[in-house]
């Protein structure tokens, strides 16, 4: 399974879960990883960070809700 496929599968599993915002792909210690963006951490998300997902490490990052840009930045 590719990291992108693992991210899609995990995104589908976590959609609507309390605290979940988004998922991305990154790198952790030279290995492709899944990055889960959360508003708040819960037991299930913490377990994913410890155990990984589909053979990929999971990194949890706290964030706010995504919002559209309100102007053009240069």
N, C-alpha and C. Protein backbone atom coordinates (compact mmCIF):
# COMPACT_ATOMS: atom_id res chain seq x y z
N UNK A 1 0.86 -1.18 0.00
CA UNK A 1 0.00 0.00 0.00
C UNK A 1 0.90 1.24 0.00
N UNK A 2 0.59 2.19 -0.87
CA UNK A 2 1.37 3.43 -0.90
C UNK A 2 0.97 4.33 0.27
N UNK A 3 1.81 5.30 0.57
CA UNK A 3 1.50 6.23 1.67
C UNK A 3 0.24 7.03 1.34
N UNK A 4 0.03 7.35 0.07
CA UNK A 4 -1.16 8.09 -0.32
C UNK A 4 -2.43 7.25 -0.11
N UNK A 5 -2.35 5.97 -0.45
CA UNK A 5 -3.50 5.07 -0.24
C UNK A 5 -3.78 4.93 1.26
N UNK A 6 -2.72 4.81 2.06
CA UNK A 6 -2.89 4.70 3.51
C UNK A 6 -3.53 5.98 4.06
N UNK A 7 -3.11 7.14 3.55
CA UNK A 7 -3.68 8.42 3.99
C UNK A 7 -5.16 8.50 3.63
N UNK A 8 -5.52 8.09 2.43
CA UNK A 8 -6.93 8.11 2.01
C UNK A 8 -7.78 7.19 2.90
N UNK A 9 -7.27 6.01 3.17
CA UNK A 9 -7.99 5.05 4.00
C UNK A 9 -8.18 5.59 5.43
N UNK A 10 -7.11 6.17 5.98
CA UNK A 10 -7.19 6.72 7.33
C UNK A 10 -8.11 7.94 7.37
N UNK A 11 -8.06 8.78 6.34
CA UNK A 11 -8.94 9.94 6.27
C UNK A 11 -10.41 9.49 6.29
N UNK A 12 -10.71 8.45 5.53
CA UNK A 12 -12.08 7.92 5.50
C UNK A 12 -12.49 7.42 6.89
N UNK A 13 -11.56 6.74 7.57
CA UNK A 13 -11.85 6.20 8.91
C UNK A 13 -12.07 7.31 9.93
N UNK A 14 -11.32 8.42 9.82
CA UNK A 14 -11.36 9.47 10.84
C UNK A 14 -12.37 10.58 10.55
N UNK A 15 -12.91 10.65 9.33
CA UNK A 15 -13.87 11.70 8.99
C UNK A 15 -14.99 11.76 10.03
N UNK A 16 -15.20 12.95 10.55
CA UNK A 16 -16.27 13.15 11.52
C UNK A 16 -15.88 12.81 12.95
N UNK A 17 -14.67 12.29 13.16
CA UNK A 17 -14.23 11.95 14.52
C UNK A 17 -13.97 13.23 15.32
N UNK A 18 -14.31 13.23 16.60
CA UNK A 18 -14.06 14.42 17.42
C UNK A 18 -12.59 14.82 17.40
N UNK A 19 -12.34 16.10 17.14
CA UNK A 19 -10.98 16.62 17.16
C UNK A 19 -10.23 16.51 15.85
N UNK A 20 -10.69 15.66 14.93
CA UNK A 20 -9.98 15.47 13.66
C UNK A 20 -10.22 16.63 12.72
N UNK A 21 -9.12 17.13 12.09
CA UNK A 21 -9.23 18.24 11.13
C UNK A 21 -8.86 17.77 9.72
N UNK A 22 -7.67 17.18 9.57
CA UNK A 22 -7.20 16.80 8.24
C UNK A 22 -6.06 15.81 8.36
N UNK A 23 -5.68 15.23 7.22
CA UNK A 23 -4.55 14.32 7.18
C UNK A 23 -3.67 14.68 6.00
N UNK A 24 -2.37 14.50 6.15
CA UNK A 24 -1.43 14.77 5.09
C UNK A 24 -0.32 13.74 5.09
N UNK A 25 0.59 13.88 4.16
CA UNK A 25 1.74 12.99 4.04
C UNK A 25 2.98 13.82 4.31
N UNK A 26 3.89 13.28 5.12
CA UNK A 26 5.12 13.98 5.45
C UNK A 26 6.27 13.01 5.56
N UNK A 27 7.30 13.43 6.26
CA UNK A 27 8.47 12.59 6.46
C UNK A 27 8.88 12.65 7.92
N UNK A 28 9.14 11.50 8.50
CA UNK A 28 9.56 11.39 9.89
C UNK A 28 10.78 10.48 9.94
N UNK A 29 11.90 11.03 10.39
CA UNK A 29 13.15 10.26 10.48
C UNK A 29 13.51 9.57 9.17
N UNK A 30 13.36 10.28 8.07
CA UNK A 30 13.73 9.75 6.77
C UNK A 30 12.74 8.78 6.16
N UNK A 31 11.58 8.58 6.78
CA UNK A 31 10.58 7.66 6.27
C UNK A 31 9.28 8.41 6.01
N UNK A 32 8.59 8.05 4.93
CA UNK A 32 7.29 8.66 4.67
C UNK A 32 6.37 8.39 5.85
N UNK A 33 5.57 9.39 6.20
CA UNK A 33 4.68 9.25 7.35
C UNK A 33 3.35 9.91 7.08
N UNK A 34 2.39 9.61 7.94
CA UNK A 34 1.08 10.22 7.88
C UNK A 34 1.03 11.29 8.96
N UNK A 35 0.56 12.48 8.60
CA UNK A 35 0.45 13.58 9.54
C UNK A 35 -1.04 13.84 9.77
N UNK A 36 -1.47 13.70 11.01
CA UNK A 36 -2.87 13.94 11.35
C UNK A 36 -2.94 15.27 12.08
N UNK A 37 -3.75 16.17 11.53
CA UNK A 37 -3.97 17.49 12.14
C UNK A 37 -5.23 17.41 12.98
N UNK A 38 -5.12 17.81 14.25
CA UNK A 38 -6.23 17.70 15.19
C UNK A 38 -6.43 19.00 15.95
N UNK A 39 -7.66 19.24 16.39
CA UNK A 39 -7.95 20.34 17.31
C UNK A 39 -7.69 19.88 18.73
N UNK A 40 -8.00 18.61 18.99
CA UNK A 40 -7.76 18.05 20.31
C UNK A 40 -7.40 16.57 20.16
N UNK A 41 -6.60 16.11 21.07
CA UNK A 41 -6.12 14.73 21.03
C UNK A 41 -7.05 13.85 21.87
N UNK A 42 -7.37 12.67 21.35
CA UNK A 42 -8.14 11.71 22.13
C UNK A 42 -7.40 10.38 22.16
N UNK A 43 -7.92 9.44 22.88
CA UNK A 43 -7.25 8.15 23.08
C UNK A 43 -7.00 7.42 21.77
N UNK A 44 -7.96 7.42 20.87
CA UNK A 44 -7.80 6.71 19.59
C UNK A 44 -6.70 7.33 18.73
N UNK A 45 -6.66 8.66 18.69
CA UNK A 45 -5.62 9.34 17.92
C UNK A 45 -4.25 9.10 18.54
N UNK A 46 -4.15 9.12 19.85
CA UNK A 46 -2.88 8.88 20.53
C UNK A 46 -2.38 7.46 20.24
N UNK A 47 -3.30 6.51 20.17
CA UNK A 47 -2.93 5.13 19.85
C UNK A 47 -2.35 5.04 18.43
N UNK A 48 -2.96 5.76 17.49
CA UNK A 48 -2.43 5.78 16.12
C UNK A 48 -1.01 6.32 16.09
N UNK A 49 -0.75 7.35 16.91
CA UNK A 49 0.59 7.93 16.94
C UNK A 49 1.60 6.90 17.49
N UNK A 50 1.20 6.12 18.45
CA UNK A 50 2.09 5.09 19.03
C UNK A 50 2.29 3.91 18.08
N UNK A 51 1.20 3.46 17.47
CA UNK A 51 1.23 2.20 16.71
C UNK A 51 1.44 2.38 15.21
N UNK A 52 1.14 3.57 14.67
CA UNK A 52 1.24 3.77 13.24
C UNK A 52 0.00 3.26 12.52
N UNK A 53 0.03 3.38 11.19
CA UNK A 53 -1.11 2.97 10.37
C UNK A 53 -0.61 2.34 9.09
N UNK A 54 -1.01 1.11 8.85
CA UNK A 54 -0.66 0.38 7.62
C UNK A 54 0.85 0.40 7.36
N UNK A 55 1.64 0.30 8.44
CA UNK A 55 3.09 0.25 8.31
C UNK A 55 3.78 1.60 8.25
N UNK A 56 3.04 2.68 8.31
CA UNK A 56 3.61 4.03 8.27
C UNK A 56 3.54 4.68 9.64
N UNK A 57 4.59 5.43 10.01
CA UNK A 57 4.51 6.18 11.27
C UNK A 57 3.46 7.27 11.17
N UNK A 58 2.87 7.61 12.30
CA UNK A 58 1.86 8.66 12.37
C UNK A 58 2.37 9.77 13.28
N UNK A 59 2.25 11.00 12.82
CA UNK A 59 2.62 12.18 13.59
C UNK A 59 1.36 13.00 13.81
N UNK A 60 1.13 13.42 15.05
CA UNK A 60 -0.03 14.23 15.38
C UNK A 60 0.41 15.68 15.53
N UNK A 61 -0.30 16.58 14.88
CA UNK A 61 -0.03 18.02 15.00
C UNK A 61 -1.32 18.72 15.38
N UNK A 62 -1.24 19.53 16.42
CA UNK A 62 -2.42 20.30 16.83
C UNK A 62 -2.55 21.55 15.97
N UNK A 63 -3.77 21.86 15.61
CA UNK A 63 -4.03 23.00 14.72
C UNK A 63 -5.44 23.52 14.97
N UNK A 64 -5.73 24.64 14.40
CA UNK A 64 -7.10 25.14 14.42
C UNK A 64 -7.84 24.63 13.21
N UNK A 65 -9.05 25.13 13.01
CA UNK A 65 -9.82 24.75 11.83
C UNK A 65 -9.26 25.46 10.60
N UNK A 66 -9.19 24.77 9.46
CA UNK A 66 -8.76 25.44 8.24
C UNK A 66 -9.77 26.50 7.83
N UNK A 67 -9.28 27.57 7.23
CA UNK A 67 -10.18 28.63 6.74
C UNK A 67 -9.60 29.21 5.47
N UNK A 68 -10.43 29.75 4.63
CA UNK A 68 -9.93 30.31 3.37
C UNK A 68 -9.11 31.58 3.62
N UNK A 69 -8.18 31.82 2.74
CA UNK A 69 -7.42 33.08 2.81
C UNK A 69 -8.34 34.23 2.49
N UNK A 70 -8.15 35.36 3.16
CA UNK A 70 -9.04 36.49 2.94
C UNK A 70 -8.46 37.54 2.02
N UNK A 71 -7.25 37.36 1.60
CA UNK A 71 -6.63 38.32 0.70
C UNK A 71 -5.47 37.69 -0.04
N UNK A 72 -4.88 38.45 -0.93
CA UNK A 72 -3.74 37.95 -1.69
C UNK A 72 -2.47 38.31 -0.95
N UNK A 73 -1.62 37.33 -0.76
CA UNK A 73 -0.34 37.57 -0.10
C UNK A 73 0.76 37.56 -1.13
N UNK A 74 1.74 38.37 -0.93
CA UNK A 74 2.90 38.40 -1.82
C UNK A 74 4.16 38.19 -1.03
